[in-house]
Amino acid sequence: MSERAAPFYCPYCGDEDLRPSESGHGAWECRSCRRGFQLKFLGLLSTNHGGTGHDDRD
């Protein structure tokens, strides 16, 4: 099992005071805004969309 990189900033307030949460794998707590969040790897992006993750259909 490989280690994933830790997030550098809180996605809500942008602060750097993050700690791993006991809530489970990929769960983090921001000590600044007191929010908890979880990171999840969804998979690789399709090369059909240029790797942007956006659907270019109109």
N, C-alpha and C. Protein backbone atom coordinates (compact mmCIF):
# COMPACT_ATOMS: atom_id res chain seq x y z
N MET A 1 0.85 -1.19 0.00
CA MET A 1 0.00 0.00 0.00
C MET A 1 0.89 1.24 0.00
N SER A 2 0.60 2.20 -0.86
CA SER A 2 1.41 3.41 -0.96
C SER A 2 0.76 4.55 -0.19
N GLU A 3 1.59 5.47 0.23
CA GLU A 3 1.12 6.66 0.94
C GLU A 3 0.71 7.73 -0.06
N ARG A 4 -0.39 8.39 0.18
CA ARG A 4 -0.83 9.50 -0.65
C ARG A 4 -0.30 10.79 -0.05
N ALA A 5 -0.15 11.79 -0.88
CA ALA A 5 0.29 13.09 -0.42
C ALA A 5 -0.81 13.75 0.41
N ALA A 6 -0.42 14.46 1.41
CA ALA A 6 -1.37 15.17 2.27
C ALA A 6 -1.79 16.47 1.59
N PRO A 7 -3.02 16.94 1.84
CA PRO A 7 -3.43 18.23 1.29
C PRO A 7 -2.64 19.35 1.96
N PHE A 8 -2.36 20.40 1.22
CA PHE A 8 -1.60 21.52 1.76
C PHE A 8 -2.50 22.59 2.37
N TYR A 9 -3.74 22.72 1.84
CA TYR A 9 -4.64 23.78 2.27
C TYR A 9 -6.03 23.23 2.50
N CYS A 10 -6.76 23.85 3.40
CA CYS A 10 -8.16 23.52 3.62
C CYS A 10 -8.97 23.99 2.41
N PRO A 11 -9.84 23.13 1.85
CA PRO A 11 -10.63 23.56 0.69
C PRO A 11 -11.70 24.59 1.03
N TYR A 12 -11.95 24.82 2.31
CA TYR A 12 -12.99 25.78 2.72
C TYR A 12 -12.42 27.14 3.09
N CYS A 13 -11.36 27.16 3.91
CA CYS A 13 -10.84 28.46 4.35
C CYS A 13 -9.44 28.77 3.83
N GLY A 14 -8.74 27.77 3.28
CA GLY A 14 -7.42 27.99 2.74
C GLY A 14 -6.30 27.92 3.76
N ASP A 15 -6.61 27.67 5.01
CA ASP A 15 -5.59 27.60 6.04
C ASP A 15 -4.77 26.32 5.90
N GLU A 16 -3.58 26.31 6.49
CA GLU A 16 -2.68 25.17 6.38
C GLU A 16 -2.66 24.29 7.63
N ASP A 17 -3.47 24.60 8.63
CA ASP A 17 -3.45 23.86 9.90
C ASP A 17 -4.36 22.63 9.80
N LEU A 18 -3.90 21.62 9.06
CA LEU A 18 -4.68 20.41 8.84
C LEU A 18 -4.10 19.25 9.63
N ARG A 19 -4.99 18.38 10.09
CA ARG A 19 -4.60 17.18 10.81
C ARG A 19 -5.39 16.00 10.26
N PRO A 20 -4.78 14.81 10.19
CA PRO A 20 -5.55 13.62 9.80
C PRO A 20 -6.67 13.39 10.81
N SER A 21 -7.82 12.97 10.33
CA SER A 21 -8.97 12.71 11.19
C SER A 21 -9.06 11.23 11.51
N GLU A 22 -9.64 10.94 12.64
CA GLU A 22 -9.86 9.55 13.03
C GLU A 22 -11.12 8.98 12.38
N SER A 23 -11.78 9.77 11.53
CA SER A 23 -13.04 9.36 10.89
C SER A 23 -12.85 8.31 9.81
N GLY A 24 -11.63 8.12 9.34
CA GLY A 24 -11.39 7.12 8.31
C GLY A 24 -10.32 7.52 7.33
N HIS A 25 -10.09 6.64 6.36
CA HIS A 25 -9.05 6.86 5.36
C HIS A 25 -9.37 8.09 4.50
N GLY A 26 -8.41 8.98 4.37
CA GLY A 26 -8.58 10.18 3.55
C GLY A 26 -9.32 11.31 4.24
N ALA A 27 -9.62 11.15 5.53
CA ALA A 27 -10.36 12.19 6.27
C ALA A 27 -9.38 13.15 6.94
N TRP A 28 -9.70 14.43 6.86
CA TRP A 28 -8.85 15.49 7.40
C TRP A 28 -9.70 16.46 8.21
N GLU A 29 -9.06 17.14 9.16
CA GLU A 29 -9.70 18.18 9.96
C GLU A 29 -8.90 19.46 9.84
N CYS A 30 -9.61 20.57 9.66
CA CYS A 30 -8.97 21.88 9.65
C CYS A 30 -9.14 22.47 11.05
N ARG A 31 -8.04 22.77 11.68
CA ARG A 31 -8.09 23.33 13.04
C ARG A 31 -8.48 24.80 13.03
N SER A 32 -8.34 25.46 11.88
CA SER A 32 -8.66 26.87 11.79
C SER A 32 -10.18 27.10 11.70
N CYS A 33 -10.84 26.47 10.73
CA CYS A 33 -12.29 26.69 10.55
C CYS A 33 -13.13 25.56 11.16
N ARG A 34 -12.45 24.55 11.73
CA ARG A 34 -13.08 23.44 12.44
C ARG A 34 -13.99 22.60 11.54
N ARG A 35 -13.66 22.51 10.26
CA ARG A 35 -14.41 21.67 9.32
C ARG A 35 -13.65 20.38 9.09
N GLY A 36 -14.40 19.33 8.85
CA GLY A 36 -13.82 18.06 8.47
C GLY A 36 -14.17 17.77 7.03
N PHE A 37 -13.25 17.14 6.31
CA PHE A 37 -13.51 16.80 4.92
C PHE A 37 -12.76 15.51 4.60
N GLN A 38 -13.15 14.90 3.49
CA GLN A 38 -12.53 13.65 3.08
C GLN A 38 -12.09 13.74 1.63
N LEU A 39 -10.91 13.26 1.34
CA LEU A 39 -10.37 13.23 -0.01
C LEU A 39 -10.53 11.83 -0.57
N LYS A 40 -10.88 11.76 -1.84
CA LYS A 40 -11.09 10.46 -2.47
C LYS A 40 -10.56 10.52 -3.90
N PHE A 41 -9.76 9.55 -4.26
CA PHE A 41 -9.24 9.45 -5.62
C PHE A 41 -10.32 8.82 -6.48
N LEU A 42 -10.74 9.50 -7.53
CA LEU A 42 -11.82 9.01 -8.39
C LEU A 42 -11.32 8.22 -9.58
N GLY A 43 -10.10 8.44 -10.02
CA GLY A 43 -9.55 7.74 -11.17
C GLY A 43 -8.82 8.70 -12.07
N LEU A 44 -8.29 8.16 -13.14
CA LEU A 44 -7.57 8.98 -14.11
C LEU A 44 -8.54 9.64 -15.07
N LEU A 45 -8.20 10.82 -15.52
CA LEU A 45 -9.04 11.56 -16.45
C LEU A 45 -8.89 10.99 -17.85
N SER A 46 -9.93 11.08 -18.60
CA SER A 46 -9.92 10.62 -19.98
C SER A 46 -9.09 11.56 -20.84
N THR A 47 -8.33 10.99 -21.76
CA THR A 47 -7.55 11.83 -22.67
C THR A 47 -8.43 12.45 -23.75
N ASN A 48 -9.67 11.99 -23.89
CA ASN A 48 -10.61 12.55 -24.87
C ASN A 48 -10.96 13.99 -24.58
N HIS A 49 -10.83 14.42 -23.34
CA HIS A 49 -11.19 15.77 -22.94
C HIS A 49 -9.96 16.62 -22.66
N GLY A 50 -8.82 16.20 -23.13
CA GLY A 50 -7.61 16.99 -22.93
C GLY A 50 -7.12 17.00 -21.50
N GLY A 51 -7.66 16.08 -20.67
CA GLY A 51 -7.22 16.00 -19.29
C GLY A 51 -7.76 17.10 -18.39
N THR A 52 -8.76 17.86 -18.85
CA THR A 52 -9.29 18.95 -18.03
C THR A 52 -10.36 18.49 -17.06
N GLY A 53 -10.97 17.33 -17.32
CA GLY A 53 -12.05 16.86 -16.48
C GLY A 53 -13.38 17.48 -16.80
N HIS A 54 -13.42 18.37 -17.80
CA HIS A 54 -14.67 19.03 -18.19
C HIS A 54 -15.27 18.34 -19.40
N ASP A 55 -16.57 18.35 -19.48
CA ASP A 55 -17.26 17.80 -20.64
C ASP A 55 -17.40 18.92 -21.67
N ASP A 56 -16.76 18.77 -22.83
CA ASP A 56 -16.73 19.83 -23.83
C ASP A 56 -17.95 19.82 -24.75
N ARG A 57 -18.90 18.94 -24.53
CA ARG A 57 -20.10 18.90 -25.40
C ARG A 57 -20.99 20.09 -25.11
N ASP A 58 -21.55 20.70 -26.13
CA ASP A 58 -22.48 21.84 -25.97
C ASP A 58 -23.86 21.46 -26.38
